[in-house]
Amino acid sequence: MCLLMGDIEALKPSNTGWLVADVVVDTFAFGWARTEMDPALLGLLADPQWLPYVVFPGEYAAPERVLHAVRKESLSSDKRPLFILLDGTWAEARKMFRKSPYLERFPVLSLEPSQLSRYQLRRARRDDHFCTSEVAALCLELVGEGRAAETLSAYLDVYTHHYLRAKQQLPVEPEGMAYARWRALGTQA
């Protein structure tokens, strides 16, 4: 996973990009700036071991760039898919998508999930917009990493429970549904 983080996104308590980094070992995170490109990011995108995909709704991209599944060569070659996730509010993510010419050479992976977002900490204008960790979990499912996807999803539930309880100044309920799912996966919270 490659997190391209908008403005102060990494500092927001409601950011879920860091959950991805906690679960997926090969996660790279970079700050996004309109006028500057991080040389390490450009190096990662040029590294021949990766097949980069910009994960973003297809309605914002030219039709010839849009894919709805990972290319088969991504799963059967020595190259591994690198999912580029634009981590920020929807307004920030759209700006990042439009104003990052170095991403234009990569296909756009447009996810078509059957469920709606469960993210409760910030609300998108549309129910088919997902938070960063939900998008990462969907990408993991696409490449056959169901256990990692489920772990990330359970981690988001535990994180959301902690966040909402703290916001309401209430104690955490470690016997609740989020924790039960987390424990069933053999993880520690």
N, C-alpha and C. Protein backbone atom coordinates (compact mmCIF):
# COMPACT_ATOMS: atom_id res chain seq x y z
N MET A 1 0.85 -1.18 0.00
CA MET A 1 0.00 0.00 0.00
C MET A 1 0.89 1.23 0.00
N CYS A 2 0.43 2.23 -0.71
CA CYS A 2 1.10 3.52 -0.74
C CYS A 2 0.07 4.57 -0.34
N LEU A 3 0.27 5.17 0.82
CA LEU A 3 -0.62 6.22 1.29
C LEU A 3 -0.07 7.56 0.84
N LEU A 4 -0.86 8.29 0.09
CA LEU A 4 -0.51 9.65 -0.29
C LEU A 4 -1.44 10.53 0.54
N MET A 5 -0.87 11.15 1.56
CA MET A 5 -1.67 11.82 2.59
C MET A 5 -1.77 13.32 2.34
N GLY A 6 -3.00 13.79 2.31
CA GLY A 6 -3.25 15.20 2.09
C GLY A 6 -2.96 16.05 3.31
N ASP A 7 -2.48 17.24 3.05
CA ASP A 7 -2.28 18.31 4.02
C ASP A 7 -1.95 17.80 5.42
N ILE A 8 -2.86 17.95 6.36
CA ILE A 8 -2.60 17.55 7.75
C ILE A 8 -3.33 16.24 8.10
N GLU A 9 -3.67 15.46 7.10
CA GLU A 9 -4.44 14.24 7.31
C GLU A 9 -3.79 13.31 8.34
N ALA A 10 -2.49 13.18 8.28
CA ALA A 10 -1.79 12.27 9.20
C ALA A 10 -1.95 12.70 10.66
N LEU A 11 -2.27 13.96 10.90
CA LEU A 11 -2.39 14.46 12.27
C LEU A 11 -3.82 14.41 12.81
N LYS A 12 -4.78 14.10 11.95
CA LYS A 12 -6.19 14.09 12.39
C LYS A 12 -6.47 12.83 13.20
N PRO A 13 -7.14 12.97 14.33
CA PRO A 13 -7.43 11.78 15.14
C PRO A 13 -8.38 10.81 14.44
N SER A 14 -9.12 11.26 13.46
CA SER A 14 -10.07 10.40 12.75
C SER A 14 -9.45 9.74 11.51
N ASN A 15 -8.16 9.92 11.30
CA ASN A 15 -7.50 9.33 10.14
C ASN A 15 -7.36 7.82 10.29
N THR A 16 -7.71 7.09 9.25
CA THR A 16 -7.60 5.62 9.30
C THR A 16 -6.45 5.08 8.46
N GLY A 17 -5.72 5.95 7.81
CA GLY A 17 -4.57 5.50 7.02
C GLY A 17 -3.53 4.78 7.87
N TRP A 18 -3.35 5.26 9.09
CA TRP A 18 -2.35 4.63 9.95
C TRP A 18 -2.75 3.22 10.35
N LEU A 19 -4.04 2.92 10.34
CA LEU A 19 -4.48 1.54 10.61
C LEU A 19 -3.94 0.61 9.53
N VAL A 20 -3.94 1.08 8.30
CA VAL A 20 -3.41 0.29 7.18
C VAL A 20 -1.95 -0.04 7.44
N ALA A 21 -1.19 0.97 7.84
CA ALA A 21 0.24 0.77 8.10
C ALA A 21 0.46 -0.20 9.26
N ASP A 22 -0.45 -0.24 10.21
CA ASP A 22 -0.33 -1.18 11.33
C ASP A 22 -0.56 -2.63 10.90
N VAL A 23 -1.39 -2.84 9.89
CA VAL A 23 -1.76 -4.19 9.48
C VAL A 23 -0.94 -4.69 8.29
N VAL A 24 -0.68 -3.83 7.32
CA VAL A 24 0.00 -4.22 6.09
C VAL A 24 1.47 -3.84 6.20
N VAL A 25 2.33 -4.83 6.23
CA VAL A 25 3.76 -4.60 6.44
C VAL A 25 4.35 -3.67 5.38
N ASP A 26 4.07 -3.96 4.12
CA ASP A 26 4.62 -3.13 3.03
C ASP A 26 3.72 -1.93 2.77
N THR A 27 3.66 -1.01 3.72
CA THR A 27 2.91 0.23 3.55
C THR A 27 3.91 1.38 3.57
N PHE A 28 3.76 2.25 2.59
CA PHE A 28 4.60 3.43 2.46
C PHE A 28 3.69 4.64 2.59
N ALA A 29 4.11 5.66 3.32
CA ALA A 29 3.28 6.85 3.51
C ALA A 29 4.07 8.09 3.12
N PHE A 30 3.41 8.96 2.36
CA PHE A 30 4.03 10.20 1.89
C PHE A 30 3.03 11.34 2.04
N GLY A 31 3.54 12.50 2.39
CA GLY A 31 2.72 13.70 2.38
C GLY A 31 2.57 14.19 0.95
N TRP A 32 1.41 14.74 0.63
CA TRP A 32 1.16 15.25 -0.72
C TRP A 32 1.29 16.76 -0.73
N ALA A 33 1.94 17.27 -1.75
CA ALA A 33 2.02 18.71 -1.98
C ALA A 33 1.81 18.95 -3.47
N ARG A 34 1.06 19.99 -3.80
CA ARG A 34 0.73 20.26 -5.20
C ARG A 34 1.96 20.59 -6.02
N THR A 35 2.92 21.28 -5.45
CA THR A 35 4.06 21.77 -6.24
C THR A 35 5.35 20.99 -6.03
N GLU A 36 5.36 20.09 -5.07
CA GLU A 36 6.58 19.33 -4.79
C GLU A 36 6.29 17.84 -4.84
N MET A 37 7.26 17.08 -5.35
CA MET A 37 7.13 15.63 -5.38
C MET A 37 8.26 15.02 -4.57
N ASP A 38 7.92 14.17 -3.65
CA ASP A 38 8.90 13.50 -2.82
C ASP A 38 9.71 12.54 -3.70
N PRO A 39 11.04 12.69 -3.76
CA PRO A 39 11.86 11.78 -4.56
C PRO A 39 11.69 10.31 -4.15
N ALA A 40 11.46 10.04 -2.87
CA ALA A 40 11.26 8.66 -2.42
C ALA A 40 9.97 8.08 -2.99
N LEU A 41 8.92 8.91 -3.09
CA LEU A 41 7.67 8.46 -3.70
C LEU A 41 7.90 8.14 -5.17
N LEU A 42 8.57 9.04 -5.88
CA LEU A 42 8.84 8.80 -7.30
C LEU A 42 9.68 7.54 -7.49
N GLY A 43 10.62 7.31 -6.58
CA GLY A 43 11.44 6.10 -6.64
C GLY A 43 10.60 4.85 -6.43
N LEU A 44 9.68 4.89 -5.48
CA LEU A 44 8.79 3.77 -5.22
C LEU A 44 7.94 3.47 -6.45
N LEU A 45 7.38 4.51 -7.05
CA LEU A 45 6.51 4.31 -8.21
C LEU A 45 7.27 3.78 -9.42
N ALA A 46 8.57 4.04 -9.48
CA ALA A 46 9.40 3.57 -10.59
C ALA A 46 10.02 2.19 -10.32
N ASP A 47 9.93 1.72 -9.09
CA ASP A 47 10.55 0.44 -8.72
C ASP A 47 9.88 -0.70 -9.51
N PRO A 48 10.67 -1.49 -10.25
CA PRO A 48 10.10 -2.52 -11.11
C PRO A 48 9.42 -3.68 -10.37
N GLN A 49 9.57 -3.79 -9.05
CA GLN A 49 8.89 -4.87 -8.34
C GLN A 49 7.40 -4.59 -8.15
N TRP A 50 6.98 -3.34 -8.42
CA TRP A 50 5.59 -2.96 -8.17
C TRP A 50 4.82 -2.70 -9.46
N LEU A 51 3.52 -3.00 -9.43
CA LEU A 51 2.57 -2.60 -10.46
C LEU A 51 1.58 -1.64 -9.79
N PRO A 52 1.81 -0.33 -9.93
CA PRO A 52 0.97 0.64 -9.23
C PRO A 52 -0.44 0.78 -9.82
N TYR A 53 -1.39 0.95 -8.93
CA TYR A 53 -2.78 1.25 -9.26
C TYR A 53 -3.20 2.43 -8.40
N VAL A 54 -3.78 3.45 -9.01
CA VAL A 54 -4.37 4.54 -8.24
C VAL A 54 -5.79 4.10 -7.91
N VAL A 55 -6.10 3.98 -6.64
CA VAL A 55 -7.43 3.52 -6.24
C VAL A 55 -8.31 4.75 -6.05
N PHE A 56 -9.28 4.88 -6.95
CA PHE A 56 -10.12 6.07 -6.94
C PHE A 56 -11.36 5.78 -7.78
N PRO A 57 -12.48 6.45 -7.51
CA PRO A 57 -13.68 6.21 -8.31
C PRO A 57 -13.44 6.50 -9.80
N GLY A 58 -13.86 5.57 -10.63
CA GLY A 58 -13.65 5.68 -12.07
C GLY A 58 -14.33 6.87 -12.72
N GLU A 59 -15.35 7.40 -12.11
CA GLU A 59 -16.07 8.54 -12.69
C GLU A 59 -15.19 9.78 -12.82
N TYR A 60 -14.06 9.81 -12.09
CA TYR A 60 -13.16 10.96 -12.14
C TYR A 60 -12.01 10.78 -13.12
N ALA A 61 -11.93 9.62 -13.77
CA ALA A 61 -10.80 9.32 -14.65
C ALA A 61 -11.27 9.10 -16.08
N ALA A 62 -10.34 9.23 -17.00
CA ALA A 62 -10.63 8.91 -18.39
C ALA A 62 -10.98 7.42 -18.48
N PRO A 63 -12.00 7.07 -19.25
CA PRO A 63 -12.46 5.67 -19.29
C PRO A 63 -11.36 4.66 -19.63
N GLU A 64 -10.41 5.04 -20.46
CA GLU A 64 -9.36 4.09 -20.85
C GLU A 64 -8.40 3.76 -19.70
N ARG A 65 -8.40 4.53 -18.65
CA ARG A 65 -7.55 4.26 -17.48
C ARG A 65 -8.23 3.39 -16.45
N VAL A 66 -9.53 3.25 -16.50
CA VAL A 66 -10.31 2.64 -15.42
C VAL A 66 -10.33 1.11 -15.53
N LEU A 67 -10.02 0.48 -14.41
CA LEU A 67 -10.12 -0.97 -14.24
C LEU A 67 -11.03 -1.24 -13.04
N HIS A 68 -11.69 -2.39 -13.07
CA HIS A 68 -12.53 -2.77 -11.93
C HIS A 68 -11.99 -4.00 -11.22
N ALA A 69 -10.85 -4.48 -11.68
CA ALA A 69 -10.19 -5.62 -11.06
C ALA A 69 -8.69 -5.46 -11.26
N VAL A 70 -7.93 -6.17 -10.46
CA VAL A 70 -6.48 -6.15 -10.59
C VAL A 70 -6.10 -7.00 -11.79
N ARG A 71 -5.17 -6.51 -12.58
CA ARG A 71 -4.72 -7.26 -13.76
C ARG A 71 -4.15 -8.60 -13.34
N LYS A 72 -4.43 -9.62 -14.13
CA LYS A 72 -3.97 -10.97 -13.78
C LYS A 72 -2.46 -11.06 -13.65
N GLU A 73 -1.72 -10.30 -14.45
CA GLU A 73 -0.26 -10.36 -14.34
C GLU A 73 0.23 -9.84 -12.99
N SER A 74 -0.61 -9.05 -12.31
CA SER A 74 -0.26 -8.59 -10.97
C SER A 74 -0.24 -9.74 -9.98
N LEU A 75 -1.01 -10.77 -10.27
CA LEU A 75 -1.15 -11.87 -9.34
C LEU A 75 -0.27 -13.06 -9.70
N SER A 76 0.24 -13.09 -10.93
CA SER A 76 0.98 -14.27 -11.36
C SER A 76 2.44 -13.98 -11.72
N SER A 77 2.90 -12.78 -11.53
CA SER A 77 4.28 -12.44 -11.89
C SER A 77 5.08 -12.14 -10.63
N ASP A 78 6.33 -11.78 -10.85
CA ASP A 78 7.18 -11.37 -9.73
C ASP A 78 6.81 -9.98 -9.24
N LYS A 79 6.08 -9.24 -10.05
CA LYS A 79 5.65 -7.90 -9.65
C LYS A 79 4.43 -8.01 -8.73
N ARG A 80 4.39 -7.10 -7.79
CA ARG A 80 3.27 -7.09 -6.85
C ARG A 80 2.46 -5.81 -7.05
N PRO A 81 1.14 -5.90 -6.84
CA PRO A 81 0.34 -4.68 -6.96
C PRO A 81 0.69 -3.70 -5.85
N LEU A 82 0.76 -2.44 -6.21
CA LEU A 82 0.97 -1.35 -5.25
C LEU A 82 -0.25 -0.45 -5.35
N PHE A 83 -1.08 -0.48 -4.32
CA PHE A 83 -2.30 0.31 -4.32
C PHE A 83 -1.99 1.69 -3.76
N ILE A 84 -2.21 2.71 -4.58
CA ILE A 84 -1.98 4.09 -4.18
C ILE A 84 -3.30 4.63 -3.66
N LEU A 85 -3.35 4.91 -2.36
CA LEU A 85 -4.56 5.39 -1.71
C LEU A 85 -4.40 6.87 -1.40
N LEU A 86 -5.33 7.68 -1.87
CA LEU A 86 -5.31 9.12 -1.64
C LEU A 86 -6.02 9.37 -0.32
N ASP A 87 -5.24 9.60 0.70
CA ASP A 87 -5.75 9.66 2.07
C ASP A 87 -6.03 11.10 2.46
N GLY A 88 -7.31 11.43 2.54
CA GLY A 88 -7.74 12.78 2.90
C GLY A 88 -9.24 12.87 2.81
N THR A 89 -9.77 14.06 3.01
CA THR A 89 -11.21 14.26 2.80
C THR A 89 -11.48 14.05 1.32
N TRP A 90 -12.76 13.92 0.95
CA TRP A 90 -13.05 13.72 -0.47
C TRP A 90 -12.63 14.92 -1.31
N ALA A 91 -12.80 16.11 -0.79
CA ALA A 91 -12.36 17.30 -1.54
C ALA A 91 -10.84 17.26 -1.74
N GLU A 92 -10.10 16.89 -0.69
CA GLU A 92 -8.64 16.80 -0.80
C GLU A 92 -8.23 15.70 -1.76
N ALA A 93 -8.89 14.54 -1.66
CA ALA A 93 -8.54 13.41 -2.51
C ALA A 93 -8.78 13.74 -3.99
N ARG A 94 -9.88 14.40 -4.29
CA ARG A 94 -10.14 14.79 -5.69
C ARG A 94 -9.08 15.76 -6.18
N LYS A 95 -8.69 16.70 -5.34
CA LYS A 95 -7.63 17.64 -5.72
C LYS A 95 -6.31 16.89 -5.95
N MET A 96 -5.98 15.98 -5.06
CA MET A 96 -4.76 15.19 -5.21
C MET A 96 -4.79 14.40 -6.52
N PHE A 97 -5.94 13.83 -6.84
CA PHE A 97 -6.08 13.04 -8.06
C PHE A 97 -5.89 13.92 -9.30
N ARG A 98 -6.51 15.10 -9.30
CA ARG A 98 -6.43 16.00 -10.46
C ARG A 98 -5.06 16.65 -10.62
N LYS A 99 -4.38 16.92 -9.52
CA LYS A 99 -3.17 17.74 -9.57
C LYS A 99 -1.89 16.96 -9.29
N SER A 100 -1.90 15.67 -9.62
CA SER A 100 -0.71 14.84 -9.45
C SER A 100 -0.36 14.20 -10.80
N PRO A 101 0.29 14.96 -11.68
CA PRO A 101 0.56 14.43 -13.03
C PRO A 101 1.39 13.15 -13.03
N TYR A 102 2.19 12.92 -12.01
CA TYR A 102 3.01 11.71 -11.95
C TYR A 102 2.16 10.45 -11.75
N LEU A 103 0.88 10.61 -11.39
CA LEU A 103 -0.01 9.45 -11.24
C LEU A 103 -0.78 9.12 -12.52
N GLU A 104 -0.72 10.02 -13.50
CA GLU A 104 -1.53 9.86 -14.71
C GLU A 104 -1.14 8.65 -15.55
N ARG A 105 0.05 8.14 -15.39
CA ARG A 105 0.48 6.99 -16.22
C ARG A 105 -0.01 5.65 -15.67
N PHE A 106 -0.63 5.66 -14.49
CA PHE A 106 -1.08 4.43 -13.86
C PHE A 106 -2.57 4.20 -14.05
N PRO A 107 -2.98 2.93 -14.10
CA PRO A 107 -4.42 2.66 -14.19
C PRO A 107 -5.13 3.08 -12.91
N VAL A 108 -6.40 3.38 -13.05
CA VAL A 108 -7.25 3.74 -11.92
C VAL A 108 -8.10 2.53 -11.57
N LEU A 109 -7.92 2.02 -10.39
CA LEU A 109 -8.71 0.89 -9.92
C LEU A 109 -9.95 1.45 -9.25
N SER A 110 -11.08 1.24 -9.90
CA SER A 110 -12.35 1.75 -9.40
C SER A 110 -13.09 0.59 -8.74
N LEU A 111 -13.21 0.65 -7.44
CA LEU A 111 -13.83 -0.43 -6.67
C LEU A 111 -15.34 -0.33 -6.77
N GLU A 112 -15.98 -1.48 -6.80
CA GLU A 112 -17.44 -1.53 -6.85
C GLU A 112 -17.95 -2.45 -5.75
N PRO A 113 -17.79 -2.01 -4.50
CA PRO A 113 -18.19 -2.88 -3.39
C PRO A 113 -19.71 -3.02 -3.30
N SER A 114 -20.12 -4.14 -2.75
CA SER A 114 -21.56 -4.39 -2.61
C SER A 114 -22.12 -3.77 -1.34
N GLN A 115 -21.26 -3.45 -0.39
CA GLN A 115 -21.74 -2.87 0.87
C GLN A 115 -21.50 -1.36 0.90
N LEU A 116 -22.11 -0.72 1.86
CA LEU A 116 -21.91 0.71 2.08
C LEU A 116 -20.84 0.90 3.14
N SER A 117 -20.29 2.09 3.19
CA SER A 117 -19.27 2.40 4.18
C SER A 117 -19.85 2.31 5.60
N ARG A 118 -19.02 1.76 6.51
CA ARG A 118 -19.39 1.69 7.92
C ARG A 118 -18.67 2.76 8.73
N TYR A 119 -17.86 3.56 8.08
CA TYR A 119 -17.05 4.56 8.76
C TYR A 119 -17.95 5.60 9.41
N GLN A 120 -17.75 5.87 10.70
CA GLN A 120 -18.64 6.75 11.45
C GLN A 120 -17.99 8.02 11.97
N LEU A 121 -16.70 8.19 11.74
CA LEU A 121 -16.00 9.31 12.38
C LEU A 121 -16.07 10.60 11.57
N ARG A 122 -16.15 10.48 10.28
CA ARG A 122 -16.40 11.61 9.40
C ARG A 122 -17.39 11.12 8.37
N ARG A 123 -18.23 11.96 7.91
CA ARG A 123 -19.25 11.51 6.96
C ARG A 123 -18.97 12.05 5.57
N ALA A 124 -18.93 11.16 4.61
CA ALA A 124 -18.80 11.55 3.22
C ALA A 124 -20.19 11.98 2.72
N ARG A 125 -20.21 12.71 1.65
CA ARG A 125 -21.49 13.14 1.09
C ARG A 125 -22.26 11.98 0.46
N ARG A 126 -21.52 10.94 0.09
CA ARG A 126 -22.16 9.80 -0.55
C ARG A 126 -21.82 8.53 0.23
N ASP A 127 -22.79 7.62 0.28
CA ASP A 127 -22.59 6.37 1.01
C ASP A 127 -21.62 5.42 0.32
N ASP A 128 -21.32 5.66 -0.96
CA ASP A 128 -20.39 4.76 -1.66
C ASP A 128 -18.95 5.27 -1.59
N HIS A 129 -18.69 6.26 -0.78
CA HIS A 129 -17.33 6.72 -0.52
C HIS A 129 -16.87 6.08 0.79
N PHE A 130 -15.67 5.56 0.76
CA PHE A 130 -15.15 4.79 1.89
C PHE A 130 -13.96 5.49 2.52
N CYS A 131 -13.71 5.17 3.78
CA CYS A 131 -12.51 5.68 4.43
C CYS A 131 -11.30 4.88 3.92
N THR A 132 -10.12 5.38 4.21
CA THR A 132 -8.89 4.79 3.69
C THR A 132 -8.73 3.33 4.09
N SER A 133 -8.99 3.00 5.33
CA SER A 133 -8.79 1.60 5.74
C SER A 133 -9.83 0.67 5.10
N GLU A 134 -11.04 1.15 4.85
CA GLU A 134 -12.03 0.33 4.14
C GLU A 134 -11.58 0.07 2.71
N VAL A 135 -11.04 1.09 2.06
CA VAL A 135 -10.54 0.93 0.69
C VAL A 135 -9.38 -0.06 0.67
N ALA A 136 -8.47 0.05 1.62
CA ALA A 136 -7.35 -0.87 1.69
C ALA A 136 -7.84 -2.31 1.88
N ALA A 137 -8.84 -2.50 2.73
CA ALA A 137 -9.39 -3.85 2.95
C ALA A 137 -10.00 -4.40 1.66
N LEU A 138 -10.69 -3.57 0.91
CA LEU A 138 -11.26 -4.00 -0.37
C LEU A 138 -10.16 -4.40 -1.35
N CYS A 139 -9.08 -3.64 -1.37
CA CYS A 139 -7.94 -3.97 -2.24
C CYS A 139 -7.31 -5.30 -1.83
N LEU A 140 -7.16 -5.51 -0.54
CA LEU A 140 -6.59 -6.77 -0.06
C LEU A 140 -7.46 -7.95 -0.47
N GLU A 141 -8.77 -7.79 -0.41
CA GLU A 141 -9.69 -8.84 -0.86
C GLU A 141 -9.46 -9.15 -2.34
N LEU A 142 -9.28 -8.12 -3.15
CA LEU A 142 -9.09 -8.32 -4.59
C LEU A 142 -7.88 -9.18 -4.93
N VAL A 143 -6.86 -9.13 -4.09
CA VAL A 143 -5.64 -9.90 -4.37
C VAL A 143 -5.55 -11.16 -3.51
N GLY A 144 -6.67 -11.59 -2.97
CA GLY A 144 -6.70 -12.85 -2.25
C GLY A 144 -6.16 -12.81 -0.84
N GLU A 145 -6.05 -11.63 -0.26
CA GLU A 145 -5.55 -11.49 1.12
C GLU A 145 -6.73 -11.27 2.07
N GLY A 146 -7.64 -12.26 2.07
CA GLY A 146 -8.86 -12.14 2.87
C GLY A 146 -8.62 -12.00 4.36
N ARG A 147 -7.65 -12.72 4.88
CA ARG A 147 -7.36 -12.63 6.32
C ARG A 147 -6.88 -11.22 6.70
N ALA A 148 -6.00 -10.66 5.89
CA ALA A 148 -5.52 -9.30 6.15
C ALA A 148 -6.67 -8.29 6.02
N ALA A 149 -7.53 -8.49 5.03
CA ALA A 149 -8.68 -7.60 4.84
C ALA A 149 -9.61 -7.66 6.04
N GLU A 150 -9.86 -8.86 6.52
CA GLU A 150 -10.74 -9.02 7.68
C GLU A 150 -10.11 -8.42 8.95
N THR A 151 -8.81 -8.61 9.09
CA THR A 151 -8.10 -8.05 10.24
C THR A 151 -8.18 -6.53 10.21
N LEU A 152 -7.96 -5.93 9.04
CA LEU A 152 -8.03 -4.48 8.92
C LEU A 152 -9.44 -3.98 9.21
N SER A 153 -10.43 -4.68 8.73
CA SER A 153 -11.82 -4.30 8.98
C SER A 153 -12.15 -4.38 10.48
N ALA A 154 -11.70 -5.44 11.14
CA ALA A 154 -11.93 -5.58 12.58
C ALA A 154 -11.19 -4.50 13.36
N TYR A 155 -9.98 -4.19 12.91
CA TYR A 155 -9.19 -3.14 13.55
C TYR A 155 -9.91 -1.79 13.45
N LEU A 156 -10.51 -1.52 12.30
CA LEU A 156 -11.28 -0.28 12.13
C LEU A 156 -12.44 -0.24 13.12
N ASP A 157 -13.10 -1.37 13.32
CA ASP A 157 -14.22 -1.42 14.27
C ASP A 157 -13.76 -1.12 15.69
N VAL A 158 -12.63 -1.70 16.10
CA VAL A 158 -12.10 -1.45 17.45
C VAL A 158 -11.68 0.01 17.58
N TYR A 159 -10.99 0.52 16.57
CA TYR A 159 -10.56 1.92 16.57
C TYR A 159 -11.76 2.86 16.67
N THR A 160 -12.80 2.58 15.88
CA THR A 160 -14.00 3.41 15.89
C THR A 160 -14.66 3.38 17.27
N HIS A 161 -14.74 2.19 17.86
CA HIS A 161 -15.31 2.06 19.20
C HIS A 161 -14.54 2.93 20.19
N HIS A 162 -13.20 2.82 20.18
CA HIS A 162 -12.37 3.62 21.09
C HIS A 162 -12.59 5.12 20.85
N TYR A 163 -12.58 5.52 19.61
CA TYR A 163 -12.71 6.94 19.25
C TYR A 163 -14.05 7.49 19.75
N LEU A 164 -15.13 6.79 19.43
CA LEU A 164 -16.46 7.29 19.80
C LEU A 164 -16.66 7.28 21.32
N ARG A 165 -16.15 6.26 21.99
CA ARG A 165 -16.27 6.22 23.45
C ARG A 165 -15.47 7.37 24.08
N ALA A 166 -14.27 7.63 23.58
CA ALA A 166 -13.45 8.72 24.12
C ALA A 166 -14.14 10.06 23.86
N LYS A 167 -14.70 10.22 22.69
CA LYS A 167 -15.39 11.47 22.35
C LYS A 167 -16.56 11.75 23.29
N GLN A 168 -17.21 10.67 23.72
CA GLN A 168 -18.35 10.80 24.64
C GLN A 168 -17.91 10.69 26.11
N GLN A 169 -16.61 10.60 26.34
CA GLN A 169 -16.03 10.46 27.67
C GLN A 169 -16.60 9.26 28.41
N LEU A 170 -16.68 8.14 27.71
CA LEU A 170 -17.18 6.89 28.26
C LEU A 170 -16.06 5.85 28.24
N PRO A 171 -16.10 4.88 29.15
CA PRO A 171 -15.07 3.83 29.11
C PRO A 171 -15.27 2.90 27.92
N VAL A 172 -14.19 2.30 27.50
CA VAL A 172 -14.23 1.32 26.41
C VAL A 172 -14.94 0.07 26.91
N GLU A 173 -15.68 -0.58 26.03
CA GLU A 173 -16.38 -1.82 26.37
C GLU A 173 -15.67 -2.99 25.71
N PRO A 174 -14.69 -3.60 26.39
CA PRO A 174 -13.90 -4.66 25.76
C PRO A 174 -14.66 -5.95 25.50
N GLU A 175 -15.90 -6.05 25.94
CA GLU A 175 -16.69 -7.26 25.69
C GLU A 175 -17.67 -7.05 24.53
N GLY A 176 -17.58 -5.91 23.85
CA GLY A 176 -18.51 -5.61 22.77
C GLY A 176 -18.21 -6.37 21.49
N MET A 177 -19.03 -6.14 20.48
CA MET A 177 -18.92 -6.82 19.18
C MET A 177 -17.57 -6.56 18.50
N ALA A 178 -17.10 -5.33 18.54
CA ALA A 178 -15.84 -5.00 17.86
C ALA A 178 -14.70 -5.84 18.42
N TYR A 179 -14.62 -5.92 19.73
CA TYR A 179 -13.56 -6.69 20.37
C TYR A 179 -13.71 -8.19 20.12
N ALA A 180 -14.94 -8.68 20.14
CA ALA A 180 -15.17 -10.10 19.90
C ALA A 180 -14.66 -10.50 18.52
N ARG A 181 -14.96 -9.68 17.53
CA ARG A 181 -14.49 -9.96 16.17
C ARG A 181 -12.97 -9.89 16.11
N TRP A 182 -12.40 -8.89 16.75
CA TRP A 182 -10.95 -8.71 16.80
C TRP A 182 -10.27 -9.92 17.42
N ARG A 183 -10.81 -10.36 18.56
CA ARG A 183 -10.24 -11.53 19.26
C ARG A 183 -10.41 -12.80 18.44
N ALA A 184 -11.51 -12.93 17.74
CA ALA A 184 -11.74 -14.13 16.92
C ALA A 184 -10.69 -14.28 15.82
N LEU A 185 -10.10 -13.18 15.43
CA LEU A 185 -9.03 -13.20 14.42
C LEU A 185 -7.67 -13.50 15.04
N GLY A 186 -7.64 -13.63 16.36
CA GLY A 186 -6.39 -13.95 17.04
C GLY A 186 -5.48 -12.76 17.20
N THR A 187 -6.05 -11.55 17.24
CA THR A 187 -5.26 -10.33 17.39
C THR A 187 -5.40 -9.80 18.80
N GLN A 188 -4.54 -8.86 19.13
CA GLN A 188 -4.56 -8.23 20.45
C GLN A 188 -5.04 -6.79 20.31
N ALA A 189 -5.90 -6.34 21.19
CA ALA A 189 -6.35 -4.95 21.18
C ALA A 189 -5.89 -4.25 22.43
